Amino acid sequence: MLIKTCATMSAIATLRAVCNSNRGILSQKMELIDALVNKFGQEQATTVYNRQCTVVKASIGQHVRHSLDHIDRAVSAARIDSASKLIRYDLRHRGGVDESDLRAAKDRIEGVDMALQEIMMEDFGEQRIPVFDPVDACFMLSGDDATEFILPSSVARELAFAAHHAIHHLALLRIISETDAVRLELPPDFGKAPSTLNFVKDQ
């Protein structure tokens, strides 16, 4: 198997890459919501969006909201004017309106996408591009203890983590979409990781 080399990129190239990766995730979320509405109509699509899948034990809305939470928090830390460089992923807002309402979900997706675009278009001038700035990412590492462990990281690493985390939730959304209760046709690359797409391309 050919092992491709890792690339050390400039700060601006890295910033654009991690922002575009997350924008691609957001685009797939939007595509899924539009496909639901196109197939079922707004009212029934909302019912499908909220229905618990018996296979993955969660709804489409829960997966959309949860993975969007992670992206939103990483994006907030990436803003040049961000006062907080502490990301607490496990303090979640379960049951938010975007978890149950399609319009609210689309509005939030559009808002996060706009924030990513603003970061990419920022005129940094003489200021340091914040993509490699240090951040502290907090995680609970055990179900027996609610302690959050602080892990030193960077803005770029957390934006990349948010995208990779969301890909796995998109893969679960594909599974839900293929169940008999939904039967939604999605693009072949929906929910597939970049490594998978590149592997297939090389075959």
N, C-alpha and C. Protein backbone atom coordinates (compact mmCIF):
# COMPACT_ATOMS: atom_id res chain seq x y z
N MET A 1 0.85 -1.19 0.00
CA MET A 1 0.00 0.00 0.00
C MET A 1 0.88 1.24 0.00
N LEU A 2 0.57 2.22 -0.82
CA LEU A 2 1.33 3.45 -0.91
C LEU A 2 0.97 4.35 0.26
N ILE A 3 1.99 4.73 1.03
CA ILE A 3 1.78 5.65 2.14
C ILE A 3 2.15 7.05 1.66
N LYS A 4 1.21 7.91 1.58
CA LYS A 4 1.47 9.26 1.12
C LYS A 4 2.05 10.10 2.26
N THR A 5 2.90 11.03 1.92
CA THR A 5 3.56 11.83 2.93
C THR A 5 2.61 12.86 3.52
N CYS A 6 2.88 13.22 4.77
CA CYS A 6 2.14 14.30 5.41
C CYS A 6 2.72 15.63 4.91
N ALA A 7 1.87 16.62 4.81
CA ALA A 7 2.31 17.91 4.28
C ALA A 7 2.30 18.96 5.38
N THR A 8 3.40 19.70 5.48
CA THR A 8 3.45 20.87 6.36
C THR A 8 3.06 22.07 5.53
N MET A 9 1.92 22.65 5.85
CA MET A 9 1.38 23.74 5.05
C MET A 9 1.51 25.07 5.80
N SER A 10 1.37 26.14 5.05
CA SER A 10 1.37 27.46 5.66
C SER A 10 0.14 27.61 6.54
N ALA A 11 0.18 28.60 7.41
CA ALA A 11 -0.95 28.82 8.32
C ALA A 11 -2.23 29.11 7.55
N ILE A 12 -2.16 29.93 6.52
CA ILE A 12 -3.37 30.29 5.78
C ILE A 12 -3.90 29.09 4.99
N ALA A 13 -3.00 28.26 4.42
CA ALA A 13 -3.45 27.07 3.70
C ALA A 13 -4.10 26.08 4.65
N THR A 14 -3.54 25.93 5.84
CA THR A 14 -4.13 25.03 6.84
C THR A 14 -5.48 25.55 7.29
N LEU A 15 -5.57 26.85 7.52
CA LEU A 15 -6.84 27.45 7.93
C LEU A 15 -7.92 27.19 6.90
N ARG A 16 -7.60 27.39 5.63
CA ARG A 16 -8.58 27.17 4.58
C ARG A 16 -8.97 25.70 4.49
N ALA A 17 -8.00 24.81 4.65
CA ALA A 17 -8.28 23.38 4.54
C ALA A 17 -9.22 22.89 5.63
N VAL A 18 -8.96 23.29 6.89
CA VAL A 18 -9.81 22.80 7.98
C VAL A 18 -11.19 23.48 7.93
N CYS A 19 -11.23 24.73 7.49
CA CYS A 19 -12.53 25.41 7.36
C CYS A 19 -13.35 24.78 6.23
N ASN A 20 -12.70 24.52 5.10
CA ASN A 20 -13.42 23.91 3.97
C ASN A 20 -13.88 22.49 4.29
N SER A 21 -13.09 21.76 5.08
CA SER A 21 -13.50 20.42 5.49
C SER A 21 -14.80 20.47 6.29
N ASN A 22 -14.88 21.41 7.21
CA ASN A 22 -16.10 21.56 8.00
C ASN A 22 -17.25 22.09 7.17
N ARG A 23 -16.96 22.96 6.21
CA ARG A 23 -18.03 23.47 5.34
C ARG A 23 -18.60 22.32 4.49
N GLY A 24 -17.75 21.39 4.10
CA GLY A 24 -18.24 20.23 3.37
C GLY A 24 -19.18 19.39 4.21
N ILE A 25 -18.86 19.24 5.49
CA ILE A 25 -19.73 18.51 6.42
C ILE A 25 -21.09 19.21 6.53
N LEU A 26 -21.05 20.52 6.70
CA LEU A 26 -22.28 21.29 6.82
C LEU A 26 -23.13 21.18 5.56
N SER A 27 -22.48 21.16 4.41
CA SER A 27 -23.19 21.01 3.14
C SER A 27 -23.92 19.67 3.07
N GLN A 28 -23.29 18.62 3.58
CA GLN A 28 -23.94 17.31 3.58
C GLN A 28 -25.13 17.29 4.54
N LYS A 29 -25.01 17.96 5.67
CA LYS A 29 -26.14 18.06 6.59
C LYS A 29 -27.32 18.76 5.91
N MET A 30 -27.00 19.85 5.23
CA MET A 30 -28.05 20.60 4.53
C MET A 30 -28.68 19.74 3.43
N GLU A 31 -27.85 19.00 2.74
CA GLU A 31 -28.31 18.13 1.66
C GLU A 31 -29.28 17.08 2.21
N LEU A 32 -28.96 16.53 3.37
CA LEU A 32 -29.82 15.54 4.00
C LEU A 32 -31.18 16.13 4.36
N ILE A 33 -31.18 17.30 4.97
CA ILE A 33 -32.44 17.95 5.35
C ILE A 33 -33.29 18.26 4.12
N ASP A 34 -32.66 18.77 3.08
CA ASP A 34 -33.39 19.08 1.84
C ASP A 34 -33.98 17.81 1.22
N ALA A 35 -33.21 16.72 1.28
CA ALA A 35 -33.69 15.45 0.72
C ALA A 35 -34.91 14.95 1.50
N LEU A 36 -34.90 15.12 2.82
CA LEU A 36 -36.04 14.72 3.64
C LEU A 36 -37.29 15.50 3.25
N VAL A 37 -37.13 16.82 3.12
CA VAL A 37 -38.28 17.66 2.78
C VAL A 37 -38.78 17.36 1.37
N ASN A 38 -37.85 17.15 0.45
CA ASN A 38 -38.25 16.86 -0.93
C ASN A 38 -39.02 15.55 -1.04
N LYS A 39 -38.65 14.58 -0.22
CA LYS A 39 -39.33 13.29 -0.30
C LYS A 39 -40.64 13.25 0.48
N PHE A 40 -40.62 13.82 1.69
CA PHE A 40 -41.76 13.64 2.60
C PHE A 40 -42.65 14.87 2.74
N GLY A 41 -42.16 16.04 2.32
CA GLY A 41 -42.88 17.26 2.63
C GLY A 41 -42.48 17.74 4.02
N GLN A 42 -42.68 19.01 4.32
CA GLN A 42 -42.18 19.60 5.55
C GLN A 42 -42.69 18.90 6.81
N GLU A 43 -43.99 18.66 6.87
CA GLU A 43 -44.57 18.10 8.10
C GLU A 43 -44.09 16.68 8.37
N GLN A 44 -44.19 15.81 7.36
CA GLN A 44 -43.78 14.42 7.57
C GLN A 44 -42.26 14.34 7.73
N ALA A 45 -41.52 15.21 7.03
CA ALA A 45 -40.06 15.23 7.16
C ALA A 45 -39.66 15.54 8.60
N THR A 46 -40.40 16.44 9.24
CA THR A 46 -40.12 16.77 10.63
C THR A 46 -40.34 15.56 11.53
N THR A 47 -41.38 14.80 11.23
CA THR A 47 -41.64 13.56 11.99
C THR A 47 -40.49 12.57 11.81
N VAL A 48 -40.05 12.39 10.58
CA VAL A 48 -38.93 11.47 10.30
C VAL A 48 -37.66 11.96 10.98
N TYR A 49 -37.43 13.27 10.97
CA TYR A 49 -36.25 13.89 11.57
C TYR A 49 -36.19 13.62 13.07
N ASN A 50 -37.36 13.53 13.70
CA ASN A 50 -37.44 13.33 15.15
C ASN A 50 -37.57 11.87 15.58
N ARG A 51 -37.84 10.98 14.62
CA ARG A 51 -38.11 9.59 14.96
C ARG A 51 -36.84 8.86 15.41
N GLN A 52 -36.94 8.15 16.52
CA GLN A 52 -35.82 7.34 17.00
C GLN A 52 -35.61 6.14 16.08
N CYS A 53 -34.40 5.97 15.59
CA CYS A 53 -34.08 4.82 14.76
C CYS A 53 -33.84 3.61 15.66
N THR A 54 -34.47 2.49 15.34
CA THR A 54 -34.32 1.29 16.17
C THR A 54 -32.94 0.67 16.01
N VAL A 55 -32.23 1.02 14.96
CA VAL A 55 -30.89 0.45 14.72
C VAL A 55 -29.83 1.20 15.51
N VAL A 56 -29.78 2.52 15.38
CA VAL A 56 -28.73 3.30 16.05
C VAL A 56 -29.19 3.96 17.35
N LYS A 57 -30.48 3.79 17.68
CA LYS A 57 -31.04 4.25 18.95
C LYS A 57 -30.96 5.77 19.12
N ALA A 58 -31.08 6.49 18.04
CA ALA A 58 -31.11 7.96 18.08
C ALA A 58 -31.81 8.45 16.83
N SER A 59 -32.20 9.71 16.85
CA SER A 59 -32.89 10.28 15.70
C SER A 59 -31.90 10.99 14.77
N ILE A 60 -32.36 11.29 13.58
CA ILE A 60 -31.56 12.10 12.66
C ILE A 60 -31.24 13.44 13.31
N GLY A 61 -32.24 14.05 13.92
CA GLY A 61 -32.04 15.34 14.56
C GLY A 61 -31.00 15.32 15.65
N GLN A 62 -30.96 14.25 16.43
CA GLN A 62 -29.96 14.15 17.50
C GLN A 62 -28.55 14.09 16.94
N HIS A 63 -28.37 13.34 15.87
CA HIS A 63 -27.03 13.25 15.25
C HIS A 63 -26.63 14.58 14.61
N VAL A 64 -27.58 15.25 13.97
CA VAL A 64 -27.29 16.54 13.35
C VAL A 64 -26.89 17.55 14.43
N ARG A 65 -27.69 17.64 15.49
CA ARG A 65 -27.41 18.61 16.55
C ARG A 65 -26.10 18.33 17.26
N HIS A 66 -25.88 17.06 17.62
CA HIS A 66 -24.69 16.70 18.40
C HIS A 66 -23.40 17.02 17.63
N SER A 67 -23.31 16.60 16.39
CA SER A 67 -22.08 16.84 15.63
C SER A 67 -21.93 18.32 15.30
N LEU A 68 -23.04 19.03 15.16
CA LEU A 68 -22.98 20.47 14.91
C LEU A 68 -22.48 21.21 16.14
N ASP A 69 -22.83 20.71 17.34
CA ASP A 69 -22.32 21.30 18.58
C ASP A 69 -20.80 21.34 18.56
N HIS A 70 -20.18 20.23 18.17
CA HIS A 70 -18.71 20.14 18.16
C HIS A 70 -18.12 21.14 17.17
N ILE A 71 -18.67 21.19 15.97
CA ILE A 71 -18.15 22.12 14.97
C ILE A 71 -18.31 23.55 15.46
N ASP A 72 -19.46 23.87 15.99
CA ASP A 72 -19.76 25.22 16.47
C ASP A 72 -18.74 25.66 17.52
N ARG A 73 -18.40 24.78 18.44
CA ARG A 73 -17.47 25.14 19.51
C ARG A 73 -16.05 25.30 18.99
N ALA A 74 -15.66 24.46 18.06
CA ALA A 74 -14.32 24.60 17.47
C ALA A 74 -14.22 25.90 16.67
N VAL A 75 -15.29 26.23 15.95
CA VAL A 75 -15.33 27.46 15.16
C VAL A 75 -15.25 28.68 16.09
N SER A 76 -15.94 28.63 17.21
CA SER A 76 -15.91 29.75 18.15
C SER A 76 -14.49 30.01 18.65
N ALA A 77 -13.75 28.94 18.91
CA ALA A 77 -12.37 29.08 19.38
C ALA A 77 -11.45 29.60 18.29
N ALA A 78 -11.84 29.39 17.03
CA ALA A 78 -11.00 29.79 15.89
C ALA A 78 -11.11 31.28 15.58
N ARG A 79 -12.12 31.93 16.09
CA ARG A 79 -12.30 33.36 15.79
C ARG A 79 -11.13 34.16 16.38
N ILE A 80 -10.62 35.08 15.61
CA ILE A 80 -9.45 35.85 16.04
C ILE A 80 -9.74 36.66 17.29
N ASP A 81 -11.01 37.05 17.49
CA ASP A 81 -11.39 37.86 18.64
C ASP A 81 -11.95 37.02 19.78
N SER A 82 -11.78 35.69 19.68
CA SER A 82 -12.35 34.81 20.70
C SER A 82 -11.68 35.07 22.05
N ALA A 83 -12.51 35.30 23.06
CA ALA A 83 -11.97 35.54 24.40
C ALA A 83 -11.65 34.23 25.11
N SER A 84 -12.26 33.15 24.65
CA SER A 84 -12.05 31.85 25.30
C SER A 84 -11.39 30.87 24.35
N LYS A 85 -10.33 30.27 24.81
CA LYS A 85 -9.66 29.22 24.06
C LYS A 85 -9.80 27.89 24.81
N LEU A 86 -10.93 27.76 25.50
CA LEU A 86 -11.26 26.53 26.22
C LEU A 86 -12.51 25.93 25.56
N ILE A 87 -12.39 24.69 25.08
CA ILE A 87 -13.50 24.02 24.40
C ILE A 87 -13.99 22.88 25.28
N ARG A 88 -15.22 22.96 25.72
CA ARG A 88 -15.78 21.93 26.60
C ARG A 88 -16.83 21.16 25.81
N TYR A 89 -16.38 20.11 25.13
CA TYR A 89 -17.24 19.36 24.23
C TYR A 89 -18.36 18.61 24.94
N ASP A 90 -18.12 18.19 26.16
CA ASP A 90 -19.09 17.31 26.82
C ASP A 90 -20.15 18.04 27.64
N LEU A 91 -20.09 19.36 27.67
CA LEU A 91 -21.19 20.13 28.26
C LEU A 91 -22.14 20.48 27.13
N ARG A 92 -23.06 19.59 26.87
CA ARG A 92 -23.88 19.66 25.67
C ARG A 92 -25.26 20.24 25.94
N HIS A 93 -25.83 20.80 24.89
CA HIS A 93 -27.19 21.35 24.97
C HIS A 93 -28.15 20.38 24.31
N ARG A 94 -28.35 19.25 24.98
CA ARG A 94 -29.26 18.24 24.43
C ARG A 94 -30.68 18.78 24.34
N GLY A 95 -31.37 18.37 23.28
CA GLY A 95 -32.76 18.76 23.13
C GLY A 95 -32.97 20.17 22.61
N GLY A 96 -31.92 20.76 22.04
CA GLY A 96 -32.06 22.09 21.47
C GLY A 96 -33.04 22.09 20.31
N VAL A 97 -33.52 23.28 19.94
CA VAL A 97 -34.57 23.38 18.92
C VAL A 97 -34.09 22.83 17.58
N ASP A 98 -32.79 22.92 17.29
CA ASP A 98 -32.29 22.39 16.02
C ASP A 98 -32.29 20.87 15.99
N GLU A 99 -32.53 20.25 17.13
CA GLU A 99 -32.61 18.79 17.19
C GLU A 99 -33.99 18.29 16.76
N SER A 100 -34.97 19.19 16.79
CA SER A 100 -36.35 18.77 16.48
C SER A 100 -36.99 19.55 15.33
N ASP A 101 -36.47 20.72 15.04
CA ASP A 101 -37.09 21.59 14.04
C ASP A 101 -36.16 21.75 12.83
N LEU A 102 -36.66 21.39 11.66
CA LEU A 102 -35.84 21.42 10.45
C LEU A 102 -35.38 22.83 10.09
N ARG A 103 -36.26 23.81 10.22
CA ARG A 103 -35.89 25.18 9.87
C ARG A 103 -34.82 25.69 10.81
N ALA A 104 -34.97 25.38 12.10
CA ALA A 104 -33.97 25.81 13.07
C ALA A 104 -32.62 25.14 12.79
N ALA A 105 -32.66 23.88 12.39
CA ALA A 105 -31.42 23.18 12.06
C ALA A 105 -30.73 23.83 10.87
N LYS A 106 -31.51 24.15 9.83
CA LYS A 106 -30.93 24.80 8.66
C LYS A 106 -30.38 26.19 9.01
N ASP A 107 -31.09 26.92 9.84
CA ASP A 107 -30.62 28.24 10.25
C ASP A 107 -29.29 28.14 10.99
N ARG A 108 -29.19 27.15 11.87
CA ARG A 108 -27.94 27.00 12.63
C ARG A 108 -26.79 26.58 11.73
N ILE A 109 -27.07 25.64 10.83
CA ILE A 109 -26.05 25.21 9.88
C ILE A 109 -25.55 26.39 9.05
N GLU A 110 -26.48 27.20 8.56
CA GLU A 110 -26.11 28.37 7.76
C GLU A 110 -25.29 29.36 8.59
N GLY A 111 -25.64 29.51 9.86
CA GLY A 111 -24.91 30.42 10.73
C GLY A 111 -23.48 29.98 10.96
N VAL A 112 -23.28 28.68 11.21
CA VAL A 112 -21.93 28.16 11.42
C VAL A 112 -21.12 28.24 10.12
N ASP A 113 -21.78 27.96 9.01
CA ASP A 113 -21.10 28.06 7.71
C ASP A 113 -20.66 29.50 7.45
N MET A 114 -21.50 30.45 7.78
CA MET A 114 -21.14 31.85 7.60
C MET A 114 -19.94 32.22 8.48
N ALA A 115 -19.92 31.70 9.70
CA ALA A 115 -18.79 31.96 10.60
C ALA A 115 -17.49 31.41 10.01
N LEU A 116 -17.55 30.23 9.41
CA LEU A 116 -16.38 29.65 8.77
C LEU A 116 -15.92 30.50 7.60
N GLN A 117 -16.87 30.97 6.81
CA GLN A 117 -16.51 31.84 5.68
C GLN A 117 -15.86 33.13 6.16
N GLU A 118 -16.38 33.69 7.24
CA GLU A 118 -15.82 34.92 7.78
C GLU A 118 -14.39 34.71 8.27
N ILE A 119 -14.12 33.55 8.88
CA ILE A 119 -12.77 33.24 9.34
C ILE A 119 -11.82 33.14 8.14
N MET A 120 -12.29 32.49 7.08
CA MET A 120 -11.46 32.32 5.89
C MET A 120 -11.18 33.65 5.18
N MET A 121 -12.12 34.58 5.26
CA MET A 121 -11.98 35.86 4.56
C MET A 121 -11.36 36.95 5.43
N GLU A 122 -11.04 36.60 6.68
CA GLU A 122 -10.48 37.57 7.61
C GLU A 122 -9.20 38.19 7.04
N ASP A 123 -9.11 39.50 7.13
CA ASP A 123 -7.88 40.20 6.74
C ASP A 123 -7.00 40.29 7.99
N PHE A 124 -6.05 39.37 8.10
CA PHE A 124 -5.25 39.30 9.31
C PHE A 124 -4.19 40.40 9.37
N GLY A 125 -3.84 40.96 8.22
CA GLY A 125 -2.85 42.03 8.20
C GLY A 125 -1.57 41.59 8.88
N GLU A 126 -1.14 42.34 9.86
CA GLU A 126 0.09 42.02 10.59
C GLU A 126 -0.17 41.06 11.76
N GLN A 127 -1.43 40.75 11.98
CA GLN A 127 -1.74 39.86 13.09
C GLN A 127 -1.38 38.42 12.76
N ARG A 128 -1.06 37.67 13.79
CA ARG A 128 -0.77 36.26 13.60
C ARG A 128 -2.05 35.52 13.25
N ILE A 129 -1.99 34.66 12.24
CA ILE A 129 -3.15 33.84 11.89
C ILE A 129 -3.35 32.82 13.02
N PRO A 130 -4.54 32.77 13.61
CA PRO A 130 -4.73 32.02 14.86
C PRO A 130 -4.87 30.51 14.70
N VAL A 131 -4.66 29.98 13.50
CA VAL A 131 -4.96 28.57 13.27
C VAL A 131 -4.10 27.64 14.13
N PHE A 132 -2.88 28.05 14.46
CA PHE A 132 -2.01 27.22 15.29
C PHE A 132 -1.97 27.70 16.75
N ASP A 133 -2.85 28.63 17.09
CA ASP A 133 -2.91 29.10 18.48
C ASP A 133 -3.29 27.95 19.41
N PRO A 134 -2.76 27.97 20.62
CA PRO A 134 -3.10 26.91 21.57
C PRO A 134 -4.53 27.04 22.09
N VAL A 135 -5.17 25.92 22.25
CA VAL A 135 -6.48 25.86 22.91
C VAL A 135 -6.44 24.66 23.86
N ASP A 136 -7.32 24.68 24.83
CA ASP A 136 -7.48 23.54 25.73
C ASP A 136 -8.81 22.87 25.41
N ALA A 137 -8.75 21.61 25.03
CA ALA A 137 -9.95 20.83 24.75
C ALA A 137 -10.26 19.96 25.97
N CYS A 138 -11.50 20.03 26.44
CA CYS A 138 -11.89 19.29 27.64
C CYS A 138 -12.79 18.10 27.28
N PHE A 139 -12.48 16.96 27.87
CA PHE A 139 -13.26 15.74 27.62
C PHE A 139 -13.47 14.98 28.92
N MET A 140 -14.65 14.39 29.05
CA MET A 140 -14.87 13.37 30.08
C MET A 140 -14.35 12.05 29.52
N LEU A 141 -13.53 11.37 30.27
CA LEU A 141 -12.88 10.16 29.78
C LEU A 141 -13.42 8.88 30.40
N SER A 142 -14.43 9.00 31.26
CA SER A 142 -15.00 7.82 31.89
C SER A 142 -16.47 8.07 32.22
N GLY A 143 -17.29 7.04 32.04
CA GLY A 143 -18.69 7.12 32.43
C GLY A 143 -18.89 7.03 33.92
N ASP A 144 -17.83 6.71 34.67
CA ASP A 144 -17.91 6.58 36.12
C ASP A 144 -17.54 7.87 36.84
N ASP A 145 -17.07 8.86 36.07
CA ASP A 145 -16.56 10.08 36.69
C ASP A 145 -16.81 11.25 35.73
N ALA A 146 -17.45 12.31 36.22
CA ALA A 146 -17.79 13.45 35.37
C ALA A 146 -16.65 14.46 35.25
N THR A 147 -15.47 14.10 35.74
CA THR A 147 -14.33 15.01 35.62
C THR A 147 -13.99 15.24 34.15
N GLU A 148 -13.77 16.52 33.81
CA GLU A 148 -13.32 16.86 32.46
C GLU A 148 -11.80 17.00 32.49
N PHE A 149 -11.13 16.30 31.59
CA PHE A 149 -9.68 16.39 31.49
C PHE A 149 -9.30 17.42 30.44
N ILE A 150 -8.38 18.29 30.80
CA ILE A 150 -7.92 19.33 29.88
C ILE A 150 -6.76 18.79 29.06
N LEU A 151 -6.93 18.81 27.73
CA LEU A 151 -5.92 18.32 26.81
C LEU A 151 -5.42 19.47 25.95
N PRO A 152 -4.14 19.81 26.03
CA PRO A 152 -3.60 20.91 25.20
C PRO A 152 -3.73 20.58 23.72
N SER A 153 -4.16 21.54 22.93
CA SER A 153 -4.36 21.32 21.50
C SER A 153 -4.13 22.64 20.77
N SER A 154 -4.63 22.70 19.54
CA SER A 154 -4.53 23.93 18.75
C SER A 154 -5.86 24.15 18.03
N VAL A 155 -6.05 25.36 17.54
CA VAL A 155 -7.26 25.68 16.79
C VAL A 155 -7.41 24.75 15.60
N ALA A 156 -6.33 24.56 14.83
CA ALA A 156 -6.39 23.71 13.64
C ALA A 156 -6.74 22.28 14.00
N ARG A 157 -6.13 21.76 15.05
CA ARG A 157 -6.37 20.37 15.46
C ARG A 157 -7.84 20.18 15.85
N GLU A 158 -8.42 21.14 16.54
CA GLU A 158 -9.80 21.00 16.97
C GLU A 158 -10.79 21.16 15.82
N LEU A 159 -10.48 22.03 14.87
CA LEU A 159 -11.33 22.12 13.68
C LEU A 159 -11.27 20.82 12.88
N ALA A 160 -10.09 20.22 12.80
CA ALA A 160 -9.95 18.94 12.10
C ALA A 160 -10.68 17.83 12.86
N PHE A 161 -10.56 17.85 14.20
CA PHE A 161 -11.27 16.86 15.01
C PHE A 161 -12.78 16.97 14.83
N ALA A 162 -13.28 18.20 14.83
CA ALA A 162 -14.73 18.40 14.68
C ALA A 162 -15.23 17.84 13.36
N ALA A 163 -14.45 18.02 12.30
CA ALA A 163 -14.84 17.50 10.99
C ALA A 163 -14.82 15.97 10.99
N HIS A 164 -13.75 15.38 11.52
CA HIS A 164 -13.66 13.92 11.54
C HIS A 164 -14.74 13.30 12.42
N HIS A 165 -15.01 13.94 13.56
CA HIS A 165 -16.08 13.47 14.43
C HIS A 165 -17.42 13.49 13.70
N ALA A 166 -17.67 14.58 12.96
CA ALA A 166 -18.95 14.72 12.26
C ALA A 166 -19.10 13.69 11.14
N ILE A 167 -18.00 13.31 10.50
CA ILE A 167 -18.07 12.31 9.42
C ILE A 167 -18.67 11.01 9.94
N HIS A 168 -18.28 10.61 11.13
CA HIS A 168 -18.81 9.36 11.69
C HIS A 168 -20.31 9.47 11.97
N HIS A 169 -20.74 10.65 12.36
CA HIS A 169 -22.18 10.84 12.56
C HIS A 169 -22.92 10.88 11.23
N LEU A 170 -22.28 11.42 10.20
CA LEU A 170 -22.89 11.37 8.87
C LEU A 170 -23.03 9.92 8.41
N ALA A 171 -22.05 9.10 8.72
CA ALA A 171 -22.13 7.68 8.35
C ALA A 171 -23.31 7.01 9.05
N LEU A 172 -23.54 7.38 10.31
CA LEU A 172 -24.71 6.84 11.02
C LEU A 172 -26.01 7.39 10.43
N LEU A 173 -25.98 8.64 9.99
CA LEU A 173 -27.16 9.21 9.33
C LEU A 173 -27.46 8.49 8.02
N ARG A 174 -26.42 8.06 7.33
CA ARG A 174 -26.64 7.26 6.11
C ARG A 174 -27.33 5.94 6.46
N ILE A 175 -26.90 5.31 7.55
CA ILE A 175 -27.53 4.05 7.99
C ILE A 175 -29.00 4.28 8.27
N ILE A 176 -29.31 5.36 9.02
CA ILE A 176 -30.72 5.67 9.31
C ILE A 176 -31.48 5.91 8.01
N SER A 177 -30.86 6.63 7.09
CA SER A 177 -31.53 6.98 5.84
C SER A 177 -31.82 5.77 4.96
N GLU A 178 -31.08 4.69 5.17
CA GLU A 178 -31.27 3.49 4.36
C GLU A 178 -32.23 2.49 4.99
N THR A 179 -32.74 2.78 6.20
CA THR A 179 -33.69 1.88 6.83
C THR A 179 -35.03 1.94 6.10
N ASP A 180 -35.84 0.93 6.30
CA ASP A 180 -37.14 0.85 5.63
C ASP A 180 -38.04 2.03 5.97
N ALA A 181 -37.86 2.60 7.16
CA ALA A 181 -38.72 3.70 7.59
C ALA A 181 -38.40 5.01 6.88
N VAL A 182 -37.22 5.10 6.26
CA VAL A 182 -36.81 6.35 5.62
C VAL A 182 -36.58 6.17 4.12
N ARG A 183 -35.71 5.24 3.75
CA ARG A 183 -35.39 4.95 2.34
C ARG A 183 -35.09 6.22 1.55
N LEU A 184 -34.06 6.91 2.01
CA LEU A 184 -33.66 8.17 1.37
C LEU A 184 -32.43 7.92 0.52
N GLU A 185 -32.44 8.40 -0.70
CA GLU A 185 -31.28 8.26 -1.58
C GLU A 185 -30.33 9.43 -1.35
N LEU A 186 -29.08 9.09 -1.01
CA LEU A 186 -28.06 10.09 -0.76
C LEU A 186 -26.89 9.87 -1.71
N PRO A 187 -26.08 10.90 -1.96
CA PRO A 187 -24.92 10.75 -2.85
C PRO A 187 -23.98 9.65 -2.34
N PRO A 188 -23.27 8.98 -3.23
CA PRO A 188 -22.41 7.86 -2.82
C PRO A 188 -21.29 8.24 -1.85
N ASP A 189 -20.87 9.51 -1.86
CA ASP A 189 -19.79 9.92 -0.96
C ASP A 189 -20.30 10.48 0.37
N PHE A 190 -21.63 10.45 0.57
CA PHE A 190 -22.20 10.98 1.81
C PHE A 190 -21.70 10.17 3.01
N GLY A 191 -21.12 10.85 3.99
CA GLY A 191 -20.68 10.18 5.22
C GLY A 191 -19.42 9.36 5.09
N LYS A 192 -18.69 9.53 4.02
CA LYS A 192 -17.44 8.78 3.84
C LYS A 192 -16.25 9.67 4.16
N ALA A 193 -15.30 9.12 4.90
CA ALA A 193 -14.12 9.87 5.31
C ALA A 193 -13.22 10.17 4.12
N PRO A 194 -12.43 11.25 4.18
CA PRO A 194 -11.47 11.54 3.11
C PRO A 194 -10.53 10.38 2.83
N SER A 195 -10.10 9.67 3.89
CA SER A 195 -9.19 8.54 3.68
C SER A 195 -9.86 7.43 2.87
N THR A 196 -11.15 7.21 3.12
CA THR A 196 -11.90 6.19 2.35
C THR A 196 -12.05 6.61 0.90
N LEU A 197 -12.40 7.86 0.67
CA LEU A 197 -12.57 8.35 -0.69
C LEU A 197 -11.26 8.30 -1.46
N ASN A 198 -10.15 8.64 -0.81
CA ASN A 198 -8.85 8.59 -1.48
C ASN A 198 -8.40 7.15 -1.73
N PHE A 199 -8.74 6.25 -0.81
CA PHE A 199 -8.40 4.84 -1.01
C PHE A 199 -9.12 4.28 -2.21
N VAL A 200 -10.43 4.56 -2.30
CA VAL A 200 -11.23 4.07 -3.43
C VAL A 200 -10.71 4.65 -4.73
N LYS A 201 -10.35 5.93 -4.71
CA LYS A 201 -9.86 6.61 -5.91
C LYS A 201 -8.57 5.98 -6.42
N ASP A 202 -7.75 5.46 -5.50
CA ASP A 202 -6.45 4.88 -5.88
C ASP A 202 -6.55 3.44 -6.38
N GLN A 203 -7.75 2.83 -6.24
CA GLN A 203 -7.88 1.43 -6.63
C GLN A 203 -7.98 1.28 -8.15
